[in-house]
Amino acid sequence: MDSNLPHHSSSDTILAQELARRLTSDAKNAGIRSEEISEEVGSIFSTMLEALGNRDPVPD
């Protein structure tokens, strides 16, 4: 997941939706149902949005 996130904090809901879509697609390809992920983390979208907001800035 880390390689798909920007190097700065963000509250970009469009990016969070895209990351959630990618995660769901990748999980499906690996034989993991989205319901299984939701049981573990709750809302996939909320988890992606939280991950985007918790980025440490990369020093220049």
N, C-alpha and C. Protein backbone atom coordinates (compact mmCIF):
# COMPACT_ATOMS: atom_id res chain seq x y z
N MET A 1 0.82 -1.18 0.00
CA MET A 1 0.00 0.00 0.00
C MET A 1 0.87 1.25 0.00
N ASP A 2 1.97 1.22 0.72
CA ASP A 2 2.80 2.41 0.86
C ASP A 2 3.25 2.97 -0.48
N SER A 3 3.55 2.11 -1.43
CA SER A 3 4.04 2.59 -2.73
C SER A 3 2.94 3.28 -3.53
N ASN A 4 1.68 3.13 -3.14
CA ASN A 4 0.57 3.77 -3.84
C ASN A 4 0.12 5.08 -3.20
N LEU A 5 0.74 5.45 -2.09
CA LEU A 5 0.35 6.67 -1.39
C LEU A 5 1.31 7.80 -1.72
N PRO A 6 0.81 9.03 -1.75
CA PRO A 6 1.72 10.16 -1.95
C PRO A 6 2.63 10.31 -0.74
N HIS A 7 3.72 11.03 -0.92
CA HIS A 7 4.69 11.21 0.16
C HIS A 7 4.30 12.31 1.14
N HIS A 8 3.11 12.82 1.04
CA HIS A 8 2.64 13.88 1.93
C HIS A 8 1.22 13.55 2.39
N SER A 9 0.82 14.13 3.50
CA SER A 9 -0.55 13.93 3.99
C SER A 9 -1.54 14.53 3.00
N SER A 10 -2.70 13.92 2.93
CA SER A 10 -3.71 14.38 1.99
C SER A 10 -5.08 14.00 2.51
N SER A 11 -6.08 14.77 2.13
CA SER A 11 -7.46 14.40 2.43
C SER A 11 -8.23 14.26 1.11
N ASP A 12 -7.53 13.81 0.09
CA ASP A 12 -8.08 13.67 -1.26
C ASP A 12 -9.05 12.49 -1.31
N THR A 13 -10.34 12.78 -1.31
CA THR A 13 -11.34 11.71 -1.29
C THR A 13 -11.37 10.93 -2.61
N ILE A 14 -11.04 11.58 -3.71
CA ILE A 14 -11.01 10.88 -5.00
C ILE A 14 -9.89 9.84 -4.98
N LEU A 15 -8.72 10.21 -4.46
CA LEU A 15 -7.61 9.27 -4.36
C LEU A 15 -7.96 8.14 -3.40
N ALA A 16 -8.60 8.45 -2.29
CA ALA A 16 -9.00 7.41 -1.33
C ALA A 16 -9.97 6.43 -1.99
N GLN A 17 -10.90 6.93 -2.80
CA GLN A 17 -11.83 6.04 -3.52
C GLN A 17 -11.08 5.15 -4.50
N GLU A 18 -10.13 5.72 -5.21
CA GLU A 18 -9.35 4.95 -6.18
C GLU A 18 -8.52 3.88 -5.47
N LEU A 19 -7.90 4.23 -4.35
CA LEU A 19 -7.12 3.25 -3.60
C LEU A 19 -8.00 2.13 -3.08
N ALA A 20 -9.19 2.47 -2.60
CA ALA A 20 -10.13 1.46 -2.12
C ALA A 20 -10.56 0.55 -3.27
N ARG A 21 -10.77 1.13 -4.45
CA ARG A 21 -11.14 0.34 -5.62
C ARG A 21 -10.02 -0.62 -6.00
N ARG A 22 -8.78 -0.11 -6.01
CA ARG A 22 -7.62 -0.95 -6.34
C ARG A 22 -7.46 -2.08 -5.33
N LEU A 23 -7.59 -1.75 -4.05
CA LEU A 23 -7.45 -2.75 -3.01
C LEU A 23 -8.50 -3.84 -3.18
N THR A 24 -9.74 -3.45 -3.43
CA THR A 24 -10.82 -4.41 -3.62
C THR A 24 -10.55 -5.29 -4.83
N SER A 25 -10.09 -4.69 -5.91
CA SER A 25 -9.78 -5.44 -7.13
C SER A 25 -8.63 -6.41 -6.91
N ASP A 26 -7.55 -5.94 -6.29
CA ASP A 26 -6.40 -6.80 -6.01
C ASP A 26 -6.78 -7.94 -5.07
N ALA A 27 -7.59 -7.64 -4.07
CA ALA A 27 -8.03 -8.67 -3.13
C ALA A 27 -8.87 -9.72 -3.86
N LYS A 28 -9.77 -9.27 -4.72
CA LYS A 28 -10.61 -10.19 -5.48
C LYS A 28 -9.74 -11.11 -6.34
N ASN A 29 -8.73 -10.54 -6.99
CA ASN A 29 -7.81 -11.34 -7.81
C ASN A 29 -7.04 -12.36 -6.98
N ALA A 30 -6.84 -12.05 -5.70
CA ALA A 30 -6.13 -12.97 -4.79
C ALA A 30 -7.08 -13.93 -4.08
N GLY A 31 -8.38 -13.84 -4.42
CA GLY A 31 -9.35 -14.73 -3.81
C GLY A 31 -9.87 -14.28 -2.46
N ILE A 32 -9.68 -13.00 -2.15
CA ILE A 32 -10.15 -12.44 -0.88
C ILE A 32 -11.39 -11.61 -1.15
N ARG A 33 -12.47 -11.92 -0.46
CA ARG A 33 -13.71 -11.16 -0.64
C ARG A 33 -13.62 -9.83 0.10
N SER A 34 -14.27 -8.80 -0.45
CA SER A 34 -14.25 -7.48 0.19
C SER A 34 -14.90 -7.54 1.57
N GLU A 35 -15.85 -8.46 1.77
CA GLU A 35 -16.48 -8.61 3.08
C GLU A 35 -15.46 -9.04 4.14
N GLU A 36 -14.49 -9.86 3.74
CA GLU A 36 -13.45 -10.29 4.67
C GLU A 36 -12.60 -9.09 5.11
N ILE A 37 -12.29 -8.22 4.17
CA ILE A 37 -11.50 -7.03 4.49
C ILE A 37 -12.31 -6.12 5.41
N SER A 38 -13.58 -5.91 5.07
CA SER A 38 -14.44 -5.05 5.88
C SER A 38 -14.59 -5.57 7.30
N GLU A 39 -14.61 -6.89 7.47
CA GLU A 39 -14.67 -7.46 8.82
C GLU A 39 -13.44 -7.08 9.64
N GLU A 40 -12.29 -6.97 8.97
CA GLU A 40 -11.04 -6.65 9.66
C GLU A 40 -10.86 -5.16 9.91
N VAL A 41 -11.18 -4.33 8.92
CA VAL A 41 -10.87 -2.90 9.02
C VAL A 41 -12.08 -1.99 9.00
N GLY A 42 -13.27 -2.53 8.80
CA GLY A 42 -14.46 -1.67 8.66
C GLY A 42 -14.52 -1.13 7.24
N SER A 43 -14.71 0.14 7.10
CA SER A 43 -14.82 0.77 5.79
C SER A 43 -13.46 0.85 5.10
N ILE A 44 -13.37 0.25 3.92
CA ILE A 44 -12.12 0.31 3.16
C ILE A 44 -11.81 1.76 2.78
N PHE A 45 -12.84 2.50 2.36
CA PHE A 45 -12.66 3.91 2.01
C PHE A 45 -12.11 4.70 3.20
N SER A 46 -12.71 4.53 4.38
CA SER A 46 -12.25 5.26 5.57
C SER A 46 -10.82 4.90 5.93
N THR A 47 -10.47 3.63 5.76
CA THR A 47 -9.10 3.19 6.04
C THR A 47 -8.12 3.86 5.09
N MET A 48 -8.47 3.95 3.81
CA MET A 48 -7.59 4.60 2.83
C MET A 48 -7.47 6.09 3.13
N LEU A 49 -8.58 6.73 3.49
CA LEU A 49 -8.55 8.15 3.81
C LEU A 49 -7.69 8.40 5.05
N GLU A 50 -7.80 7.53 6.04
CA GLU A 50 -6.97 7.65 7.24
C GLU A 50 -5.49 7.47 6.90
N ALA A 51 -5.18 6.49 6.05
CA ALA A 51 -3.79 6.26 5.65
C ALA A 51 -3.23 7.48 4.92
N LEU A 52 -4.04 8.10 4.08
CA LEU A 52 -3.60 9.31 3.37
C LEU A 52 -3.32 10.45 4.33
N GLY A 53 -4.10 10.55 5.38
CA GLY A 53 -3.94 11.65 6.33
C GLY A 53 -2.83 11.45 7.34
N ASN A 54 -2.29 10.24 7.41
CA ASN A 54 -1.25 9.93 8.40
C ASN A 54 0.13 9.77 7.80
N ARG A 55 0.38 10.44 6.71
CA ARG A 55 1.70 10.36 6.07
C ARG A 55 2.67 11.32 6.73
N ASP A 56 3.88 10.85 6.96
CA ASP A 56 4.94 11.72 7.45
C ASP A 56 5.56 12.43 6.26
N PRO A 57 5.81 13.72 6.39
CA PRO A 57 6.43 14.43 5.26
C PRO A 57 7.83 13.88 4.97
N VAL A 58 8.16 13.81 3.70
CA VAL A 58 9.48 13.37 3.28
C VAL A 58 10.39 14.59 3.27
N PRO A 59 11.54 14.51 3.97
CA PRO A 59 12.45 15.67 3.98
C PRO A 59 13.00 15.94 2.58
N ASP A 60 13.20 17.22 2.28
CA ASP A 60 13.76 17.60 0.97
C ASP A 60 15.23 17.31 0.90
